[in-house]
Amino acid sequence: MTTGSVTGTDWIVSGELTNIQLDGRPAYRLLVHKRAPIGESKGFGYVAESNGYVFLLIGTVPDIHPEYPKELQASLEAMHLGRTESGK
């Protein structure tokens, strides 16, 4: 799902699909980057399951300050996935 979403875009994959945990649940992360006329952008794609749904979450940030991509990635990976009583 994640790697297929990059095909046909200006984004370039920066590594391999990585198994990680989001809020204690299995997930996959794909790092990408994009060359722009001025600077570069970084992106993070995550695929995971929550409450019976599979989702693709994409975050992007201009790489104008070295901390911005690190802060976005850390924030996305620290998020809490909502849980319902019924699990649906």
N, C-alpha and C. Protein backbone atom coordinates (compact mmCIF):
# COMPACT_ATOMS: atom_id res chain seq x y z
N MET A 1 0.84 -1.20 0.00
CA MET A 1 0.00 0.00 0.00
C MET A 1 0.87 1.25 0.00
N THR A 2 1.85 1.31 0.87
CA THR A 2 2.68 2.51 0.98
C THR A 2 3.56 2.69 -0.25
N THR A 3 4.29 1.65 -0.65
CA THR A 3 5.19 1.78 -1.79
C THR A 3 4.41 2.04 -3.08
N GLY A 4 3.24 1.46 -3.22
CA GLY A 4 2.41 1.70 -4.40
C GLY A 4 1.91 3.13 -4.47
N SER A 5 1.77 3.79 -3.34
CA SER A 5 1.29 5.18 -3.32
C SER A 5 2.34 6.15 -3.83
N VAL A 6 3.60 5.76 -3.85
CA VAL A 6 4.70 6.63 -4.30
C VAL A 6 4.83 6.60 -5.82
N THR A 7 4.45 5.48 -6.43
CA THR A 7 4.59 5.32 -7.87
C THR A 7 3.85 6.42 -8.62
N GLY A 8 4.53 7.04 -9.58
CA GLY A 8 3.91 8.08 -10.40
C GLY A 8 3.93 9.46 -9.77
N THR A 9 4.65 9.63 -8.66
CA THR A 9 4.75 10.93 -8.01
C THR A 9 6.18 11.43 -8.10
N ASP A 10 6.44 12.61 -7.57
CA ASP A 10 7.79 13.17 -7.51
C ASP A 10 8.56 12.69 -6.28
N TRP A 11 7.94 11.86 -5.45
CA TRP A 11 8.59 11.39 -4.23
C TRP A 11 9.54 10.25 -4.55
N ILE A 12 10.66 10.20 -3.82
CA ILE A 12 11.69 9.18 -3.98
C ILE A 12 11.80 8.42 -2.66
N VAL A 13 11.75 7.10 -2.72
CA VAL A 13 11.84 6.27 -1.52
C VAL A 13 13.23 6.40 -0.91
N SER A 14 13.28 6.59 0.41
CA SER A 14 14.54 6.75 1.15
C SER A 14 14.74 5.57 2.09
N GLY A 15 14.93 4.41 1.56
CA GLY A 15 15.11 3.22 2.40
C GLY A 15 14.05 2.19 2.09
N GLU A 16 13.90 1.27 3.02
CA GLU A 16 12.98 0.17 2.82
C GLU A 16 11.77 0.29 3.74
N LEU A 17 10.72 -0.43 3.41
CA LEU A 17 9.55 -0.52 4.28
C LEU A 17 10.00 -1.16 5.58
N THR A 18 9.70 -0.51 6.71
CA THR A 18 10.20 -0.93 8.02
C THR A 18 9.05 -1.31 8.94
N ASN A 19 9.17 -2.44 9.62
CA ASN A 19 8.20 -2.83 10.65
C ASN A 19 8.44 -1.99 11.89
N ILE A 20 7.40 -1.33 12.39
CA ILE A 20 7.49 -0.55 13.63
C ILE A 20 6.23 -0.80 14.45
N GLN A 21 6.11 -0.11 15.57
CA GLN A 21 4.91 -0.15 16.41
C GLN A 21 4.33 1.26 16.51
N LEU A 22 3.04 1.40 16.31
CA LEU A 22 2.32 2.65 16.57
C LEU A 22 1.35 2.37 17.70
N ASP A 23 1.56 3.01 18.82
CA ASP A 23 0.71 2.81 19.99
C ASP A 23 0.61 1.32 20.34
N GLY A 24 1.73 0.61 20.22
CA GLY A 24 1.79 -0.80 20.57
C GLY A 24 1.22 -1.74 19.53
N ARG A 25 0.83 -1.22 18.38
CA ARG A 25 0.25 -2.06 17.33
C ARG A 25 1.23 -2.17 16.16
N PRO A 26 1.23 -3.31 15.47
CA PRO A 26 2.12 -3.45 14.32
C PRO A 26 1.80 -2.43 13.24
N ALA A 27 2.83 -1.88 12.64
CA ALA A 27 2.67 -0.91 11.56
C ALA A 27 3.88 -1.00 10.64
N TYR A 28 3.78 -0.32 9.52
CA TYR A 28 4.88 -0.25 8.57
C TYR A 28 5.15 1.21 8.27
N ARG A 29 6.45 1.55 8.12
CA ARG A 29 6.85 2.93 7.84
C ARG A 29 7.67 2.95 6.56
N LEU A 30 7.43 3.96 5.72
CA LEU A 30 8.23 4.19 4.54
C LEU A 30 8.67 5.65 4.55
N LEU A 31 9.96 5.88 4.45
CA LEU A 31 10.50 7.24 4.41
C LEU A 31 10.71 7.63 2.95
N VAL A 32 10.36 8.86 2.62
CA VAL A 32 10.52 9.37 1.26
C VAL A 32 11.07 10.79 1.30
N HIS A 33 11.56 11.25 0.17
CA HIS A 33 11.97 12.65 0.05
C HIS A 33 11.63 13.14 -1.35
N LYS A 34 11.61 14.45 -1.49
CA LYS A 34 11.22 15.07 -2.75
C LYS A 34 12.13 16.27 -2.99
N ARG A 35 12.75 16.30 -4.13
CA ARG A 35 13.56 17.45 -4.49
C ARG A 35 12.64 18.54 -5.02
N ALA A 36 12.81 19.74 -4.51
CA ALA A 36 11.99 20.87 -4.93
C ALA A 36 12.90 21.95 -5.50
N PRO A 37 12.32 22.95 -6.18
CA PRO A 37 13.17 24.02 -6.71
C PRO A 37 14.05 24.66 -5.64
N ILE A 38 13.51 24.80 -4.45
CA ILE A 38 14.28 25.35 -3.33
C ILE A 38 14.23 24.35 -2.20
N GLY A 39 15.35 23.71 -1.91
CA GLY A 39 15.40 22.76 -0.80
C GLY A 39 14.83 21.41 -1.15
N GLU A 40 14.40 20.72 -0.13
CA GLU A 40 13.89 19.37 -0.25
C GLU A 40 12.79 19.18 0.78
N SER A 41 11.87 18.27 0.50
CA SER A 41 10.84 17.91 1.46
C SER A 41 11.08 16.47 1.90
N LYS A 42 10.66 16.16 3.11
CA LYS A 42 10.74 14.79 3.62
C LYS A 42 9.32 14.33 3.92
N GLY A 43 9.10 13.05 3.75
CA GLY A 43 7.78 12.49 4.01
C GLY A 43 7.88 11.17 4.73
N PHE A 44 6.79 10.83 5.40
CA PHE A 44 6.70 9.61 6.19
C PHE A 44 5.34 8.98 5.91
N GLY A 45 5.33 7.74 5.45
CA GLY A 45 4.09 7.03 5.21
C GLY A 45 3.97 5.88 6.20
N TYR A 46 2.82 5.75 6.82
CA TYR A 46 2.58 4.70 7.80
C TYR A 46 1.32 3.93 7.41
N VAL A 47 1.38 2.62 7.51
CA VAL A 47 0.21 1.76 7.32
C VAL A 47 0.04 0.96 8.60
N ALA A 48 -1.17 0.98 9.14
CA ALA A 48 -1.46 0.25 10.38
C ALA A 48 -2.95 -0.07 10.43
N GLU A 49 -3.34 -0.76 11.49
CA GLU A 49 -4.74 -1.12 11.71
C GLU A 49 -5.17 -0.56 13.05
N SER A 50 -6.38 -0.03 13.09
CA SER A 50 -6.96 0.45 14.35
C SER A 50 -8.46 0.22 14.30
N ASN A 51 -8.98 -0.43 15.32
CA ASN A 51 -10.42 -0.67 15.43
C ASN A 51 -11.01 -1.35 14.21
N GLY A 52 -10.27 -2.28 13.63
CA GLY A 52 -10.77 -3.05 12.50
C GLY A 52 -10.59 -2.37 11.15
N TYR A 53 -9.94 -1.22 11.10
CA TYR A 53 -9.71 -0.51 9.86
C TYR A 53 -8.21 -0.41 9.58
N VAL A 54 -7.83 -0.64 8.33
CA VAL A 54 -6.45 -0.42 7.90
C VAL A 54 -6.38 1.00 7.35
N PHE A 55 -5.34 1.74 7.74
CA PHE A 55 -5.23 3.11 7.27
C PHE A 55 -3.83 3.42 6.78
N LEU A 56 -3.74 4.42 5.91
CA LEU A 56 -2.49 4.96 5.42
C LEU A 56 -2.41 6.40 5.88
N LEU A 57 -1.38 6.72 6.64
CA LEU A 57 -1.17 8.06 7.16
C LEU A 57 0.09 8.62 6.52
N ILE A 58 -0.01 9.80 5.94
CA ILE A 58 1.14 10.42 5.29
C ILE A 58 1.38 11.78 5.92
N GLY A 59 2.63 12.02 6.29
CA GLY A 59 3.04 13.33 6.81
C GLY A 59 4.20 13.85 5.98
N THR A 60 4.18 15.14 5.66
CA THR A 60 5.28 15.75 4.91
C THR A 60 5.68 17.05 5.57
N VAL A 61 6.93 17.43 5.38
CA VAL A 61 7.44 18.65 5.96
C VAL A 61 8.59 19.16 5.09
N PRO A 62 8.66 20.49 4.86
CA PRO A 62 9.83 21.01 4.13
C PRO A 62 11.07 20.85 5.00
N ASP A 63 12.15 20.48 4.38
CA ASP A 63 13.40 20.23 5.10
C ASP A 63 14.20 21.54 5.20
N ILE A 64 13.55 22.61 5.71
CA ILE A 64 14.23 23.91 5.80
C ILE A 64 14.99 24.09 7.11
N HIS A 65 14.70 23.24 8.05
CA HIS A 65 15.43 23.24 9.32
C HIS A 65 15.68 21.79 9.68
N PRO A 66 16.90 21.44 10.09
CA PRO A 66 17.22 20.02 10.32
C PRO A 66 16.34 19.32 11.34
N GLU A 67 15.72 20.06 12.25
CA GLU A 67 14.89 19.42 13.28
C GLU A 67 13.47 19.14 12.81
N TYR A 68 12.97 19.83 11.79
CA TYR A 68 11.57 19.66 11.38
C TYR A 68 11.22 18.22 11.02
N PRO A 69 11.97 17.55 10.13
CA PRO A 69 11.62 16.15 9.83
C PRO A 69 11.69 15.24 11.05
N LYS A 70 12.67 15.44 11.90
CA LYS A 70 12.81 14.61 13.11
C LYS A 70 11.61 14.82 14.04
N GLU A 71 11.18 16.08 14.19
CA GLU A 71 10.06 16.39 15.08
C GLU A 71 8.76 15.79 14.55
N LEU A 72 8.54 15.90 13.23
CA LEU A 72 7.32 15.34 12.65
C LEU A 72 7.31 13.82 12.80
N GLN A 73 8.40 13.18 12.48
CA GLN A 73 8.47 11.72 12.59
C GLN A 73 8.25 11.28 14.03
N ALA A 74 8.87 11.95 14.97
CA ALA A 74 8.71 11.60 16.38
C ALA A 74 7.25 11.80 16.82
N SER A 75 6.62 12.87 16.38
CA SER A 75 5.22 13.13 16.74
C SER A 75 4.30 12.07 16.18
N LEU A 76 4.50 11.71 14.92
CA LEU A 76 3.64 10.69 14.30
C LEU A 76 3.81 9.34 15.00
N GLU A 77 5.04 9.00 15.35
CA GLU A 77 5.28 7.70 15.97
C GLU A 77 4.91 7.66 17.45
N ALA A 78 4.63 8.82 18.05
CA ALA A 78 4.20 8.87 19.45
C ALA A 78 2.68 8.99 19.59
N MET A 79 1.96 9.03 18.46
CA MET A 79 0.51 9.23 18.53
C MET A 79 -0.17 8.04 19.18
N HIS A 80 -1.34 8.31 19.73
CA HIS A 80 -2.16 7.28 20.35
C HIS A 80 -3.35 7.02 19.45
N LEU A 81 -3.60 5.76 19.16
CA LEU A 81 -4.72 5.37 18.33
C LEU A 81 -5.94 5.17 19.23
N GLY A 82 -7.04 5.76 18.84
CA GLY A 82 -8.25 5.66 19.64
C GLY A 82 -8.79 4.23 19.70
N ARG A 83 -9.36 3.91 20.82
CA ARG A 83 -9.96 2.59 20.99
C ARG A 83 -11.42 2.80 21.41
N THR A 84 -12.27 1.96 20.89
CA THR A 84 -13.68 2.03 21.26
C THR A 84 -14.01 0.82 22.13
N GLU A 85 -15.09 0.92 22.87
CA GLU A 85 -15.50 -0.19 23.73
C GLU A 85 -15.84 -1.43 22.93
N SER A 86 -16.49 -1.24 21.78
CA SER A 86 -16.89 -2.38 20.97
C SER A 86 -15.77 -2.85 20.06
N GLY A 87 -14.70 -2.04 19.93
CA GLY A 87 -13.61 -2.40 19.04
C GLY A 87 -13.89 -2.10 17.59
N LYS A 88 -15.03 -1.43 17.31
CA LYS A 88 -15.39 -1.08 15.93
C LYS A 88 -15.41 0.42 15.76
